[in-house]
Protein backbone atom coordinates (compact mmCIF):
# COMPACT_ATOMS: atom_id res chain seq x y z
CA MET A 1 24.84 -7.88 -38.95
CA GLY A 2 21.30 -7.75 -37.59
CA CYS A 3 19.98 -8.92 -34.26
CA ASN A 4 20.30 -12.55 -35.28
CA ASN A 5 24.07 -12.22 -35.46
CA SER A 6 24.56 -10.12 -32.32
CA THR A 7 24.32 -12.96 -29.79
CA SER A 8 25.99 -16.30 -29.70
CA ASN A 9 25.68 -19.37 -27.53
CA LYS A 10 29.41 -19.99 -27.99
CA PRO A 11 31.53 -19.31 -24.91
CA VAL A 12 33.80 -16.29 -25.14
CA ALA A 13 37.42 -16.84 -24.07
CA GLY A 14 37.79 -16.04 -20.37
CA LEU A 15 34.03 -15.67 -19.83
CA LYS A 16 32.09 -18.45 -18.18
CA VAL A 17 28.42 -18.67 -19.17
CA ASN A 18 26.01 -20.52 -16.92
CA THR A 19 23.33 -22.07 -19.10
CA GLN A 20 21.68 -24.02 -16.26
CA PRO A 21 18.32 -22.64 -15.12
CA LYS A 22 18.35 -21.12 -11.65
CA VAL A 23 16.86 -23.52 -9.12
CA MET A 24 14.58 -21.78 -6.64
CA ASN A 25 14.13 -22.96 -3.07
CA PHE A 26 11.36 -21.61 -0.87
CA ASP A 27 9.88 -22.11 2.58
CA GLY A 28 6.13 -22.43 3.05
CA LYS A 29 3.75 -22.77 5.95
CA LEU A 30 0.58 -24.83 5.68
CA VAL A 31 -2.00 -25.29 8.43
CA LEU A 32 -4.76 -27.90 8.69
CA LEU A 33 -8.03 -26.63 10.19
CA GLY A 34 -11.37 -28.31 10.78
CA ASN A 35 -13.50 -30.01 13.39
CA SER A 36 -12.17 -32.76 15.59
CA GLY A 37 -12.26 -36.19 13.98
CA VAL A 38 -12.34 -35.13 10.31
CA GLY A 39 -8.91 -36.64 9.63
CA LYS A 40 -6.51 -33.70 9.61
CA SER A 41 -3.72 -35.61 11.36
CA SER A 42 -4.30 -38.65 9.15
CA ILE A 43 -4.01 -36.52 6.00
CA ALA A 44 -0.72 -35.04 7.21
CA MET A 45 0.68 -38.42 8.26
CA ARG A 46 -0.35 -40.06 4.98
CA TYR A 47 1.43 -37.34 3.03
CA VAL A 48 4.62 -37.08 5.08
CA ASN A 49 5.10 -40.70 6.22
CA ASN A 50 2.74 -42.60 3.90
CA THR A 51 1.12 -44.18 6.95
CA PHE A 52 -2.42 -44.47 8.29
CA SER A 53 -3.65 -45.60 11.69
CA GLU A 54 -7.18 -46.77 12.45
CA ALA A 55 -6.64 -45.72 16.08
CA PHE A 56 -8.13 -42.26 16.59
CA GLU A 57 -6.00 -39.97 18.73
CA VAL A 58 -7.18 -36.46 19.50
CA THR A 59 -4.65 -33.75 18.63
CA ILE A 60 -4.09 -31.59 21.70
CA GLY A 61 -3.30 -28.04 20.61
CA GLY A 62 -1.27 -28.79 17.51
CA GLY A 63 1.38 -30.89 15.84
CA TYR A 64 4.20 -30.16 13.44
CA LEU A 65 5.56 -32.03 10.43
CA GLN A 66 7.90 -31.01 7.63
CA GLN A 67 8.19 -32.17 4.03
CA ILE A 68 10.37 -31.12 1.10
CA VAL A 69 8.27 -30.82 -2.05
CA ARG A 70 10.27 -31.10 -5.28
CA LEU A 71 8.76 -29.75 -8.46
CA LYS A 72 9.34 -30.72 -12.07
CA ASP A 73 11.41 -27.58 -12.78
CA GLY A 74 13.87 -28.49 -10.01
CA SER A 75 12.52 -25.95 -7.53
CA SER A 76 11.76 -27.10 -4.04
CA LEU A 77 9.52 -26.01 -1.21
CA LYS A 78 10.29 -26.80 2.41
CA LEU A 79 6.74 -27.17 3.68
CA ASP A 80 6.09 -26.69 7.40
CA ILE A 81 2.80 -28.47 8.12
CA TRP A 82 0.91 -27.44 11.25
CA ASP A 83 -1.81 -29.83 12.36
CA THR A 84 -4.33 -28.28 14.75
CA GLY A 85 -6.72 -29.76 17.27
CA GLY A 86 -10.33 -29.15 16.29
CA GLN A 87 -11.90 -29.15 19.75
CA GLU A 88 -13.58 -25.93 20.78
CA ARG A 89 -11.55 -25.64 23.99
CA TYR A 90 -8.35 -25.22 21.94
CA ARG A 91 -9.67 -22.63 19.51
CA ALA A 92 -8.13 -19.73 21.45
CA LEU A 93 -4.69 -21.17 20.65
CA LEU A 94 -5.28 -21.57 16.93
CA GLN A 95 -4.02 -18.16 15.90
CA LEU A 96 -0.58 -19.17 17.14
CA TYR A 97 -0.58 -22.01 14.62
CA TYR A 98 -1.98 -20.25 11.57
CA ARG A 99 -0.19 -16.92 11.93
CA ASP A 100 1.69 -16.17 8.68
CA ALA A 101 0.36 -19.32 6.99
CA ASP A 102 0.77 -19.41 3.22
CA ALA A 103 -2.02 -21.96 2.82
CA ALA A 104 -4.71 -23.71 4.85
CA LEU A 105 -6.42 -27.04 4.30
CA ILE A 106 -9.92 -26.52 5.71
CA THR A 107 -11.03 -30.10 6.21
CA TYR A 108 -14.39 -31.81 6.63
CA ASP A 109 -15.58 -35.41 6.84
CA VAL A 110 -17.82 -36.47 3.91
CA SER A 111 -19.88 -38.58 6.33
CA ASN A 112 -20.62 -35.59 8.58
CA ALA A 113 -22.62 -32.70 7.06
CA LYS A 114 -22.08 -30.49 10.11
CA SER A 115 -18.32 -30.67 9.60
CA LEU A 116 -18.79 -28.97 6.20
CA GLU A 117 -21.14 -26.36 7.68
CA ASP A 118 -18.53 -25.60 10.33
CA CYS A 119 -15.93 -24.92 7.65
CA GLU A 120 -17.48 -21.46 7.38
CA TYR A 121 -16.28 -20.78 10.94
CA TRP A 122 -12.75 -21.91 10.01
CA VAL A 123 -12.69 -19.75 6.86
CA ASN A 124 -13.88 -16.67 8.76
CA GLU A 125 -11.48 -17.34 11.65
CA LEU A 126 -8.54 -17.54 9.28
CA ARG A 127 -9.58 -14.56 7.15
CA ARG A 128 -9.66 -12.29 10.23
CA THR A 129 -5.86 -12.20 10.30
CA GLU A 130 -4.54 -14.02 7.22
CA GLU A 131 -6.30 -12.37 4.28
CA ASN A 132 -3.83 -13.60 1.65
CA CYS A 133 -3.72 -17.21 2.77
CA ILE A 134 -4.47 -19.75 0.03
CA LEU A 135 -7.52 -21.77 1.08
CA CYS A 136 -8.26 -25.32 0.08
CA LEU A 137 -11.43 -27.17 1.06
CA VAL A 138 -10.69 -30.85 1.66
CA GLY A 139 -13.42 -33.49 1.91
CA ASN A 140 -11.83 -36.47 3.63
CA LYS A 141 -12.88 -40.13 4.06
CA ILE A 142 -14.12 -40.72 0.50
CA ASP A 143 -13.29 -44.39 1.00
CA ILE A 144 -16.51 -44.88 3.04
CA PRO A 145 -19.49 -46.71 1.52
CA THR A 146 -21.67 -44.46 -0.66
CA GLU A 147 -24.70 -44.85 1.62
CA GLU A 148 -22.71 -43.33 4.52
CA LYS A 149 -21.78 -40.22 2.56
CA LYS A 150 -23.69 -37.18 3.89
CA VAL A 151 -22.00 -34.45 1.83
CA ASN A 152 -22.28 -34.56 -1.94
CA THR A 153 -19.42 -33.29 -4.06
CA LYS A 154 -21.49 -30.55 -5.73
CA SER A 155 -22.50 -28.98 -2.39
CA ALA A 156 -18.91 -28.98 -1.21
CA GLN A 157 -17.66 -27.57 -4.53
CA ASP A 158 -20.26 -24.78 -4.31
CA PHE A 159 -19.11 -23.99 -0.77
CA GLY A 160 -15.50 -23.84 -1.92
CA ASP A 161 -16.38 -21.64 -4.90
CA LYS A 162 -18.24 -19.23 -2.59
CA TYR A 163 -14.98 -18.57 -0.72
CA GLY A 164 -12.59 -18.85 -3.68
CA MET A 165 -11.07 -22.08 -2.38
CA LEU A 166 -9.30 -24.90 -4.13
CA PHE A 167 -11.22 -28.15 -3.66
CA PHE A 168 -10.17 -31.79 -3.24
CA GLU A 169 -11.78 -34.95 -1.96
CA THR A 170 -9.35 -37.36 -0.33
CA SER A 171 -8.95 -40.56 1.60
CA ALA A 172 -6.18 -40.56 4.18
CA LYS A 173 -6.93 -44.26 4.64
CA THR A 174 -6.24 -45.30 1.04
CA GLY A 175 -4.05 -42.33 0.08
CA GLU A 176 -6.39 -41.31 -2.74
CA ASN A 177 -5.67 -37.74 -3.92
CA ILE A 178 -3.37 -36.98 -0.95
CA ASN A 179 -0.23 -36.37 -3.03
CA LYS A 180 -2.23 -34.51 -5.66
CA LEU A 181 -3.68 -32.25 -2.95
CA PHE A 182 -0.29 -31.32 -1.50
CA GLU A 183 1.37 -30.95 -4.91
CA ASN A 184 -1.33 -28.53 -6.09
CA VAL A 185 -1.31 -26.50 -2.89
CA SER A 186 2.51 -26.39 -2.92
CA GLN A 187 2.46 -25.15 -6.51
CA GLU A 188 0.03 -22.38 -5.47
CA ILE A 189 2.32 -21.40 -2.58
CA LEU A 190 5.26 -21.19 -5.00
CA ARG A 191 3.22 -19.05 -7.41
CA LYS A 192 2.35 -16.74 -4.53
CA LYS A 193 6.00 -16.45 -3.45
CA ASN A 194 7.37 -16.18 -7.00
CA PRO A 195 4.72 -15.00 -9.48
CA GLY A 196 7.07 -15.77 -12.40
CA LEU A 197 6.72 -19.54 -11.91
């Protein structure tokens, strides 16, 4: 009558045993930061609506989208996605958008070296108030011809490593790595909210 015999998977009369794993549902907040024109809105629209528009429209202040992310274990994350305008004149408003963010996609354009340099501003701006926010560096527009690329992957990876950031290169135009980006960041948000996952 050792430990092996002390438990049974057989139901006991009158006792209902739930053998289904508990499904966890969480809410998460993600903000997109970066200079104007790097493709933040296009990344969000590609992920949520699987659409892309060649017409460039400046985001004034910010925009809001929502997506339910379902994970392999059955858990889900209701992801509130805040898209911010990158123009300097709107920077005073940014704290309203990234307050209490679980994660931030700090985005640059691979054809614009200054947009990567300016990511340091966005990291520091976010870290002033949101120390525990998960940061992900996103190099967008990898669909461009190689000769137009001004930021090499190694430099960007080194930048991300310096700040302890996740790193992805994406194309909102073709959709390359967009789902992978959001799935990985969502998984990190869930780990943060429930360390047992």
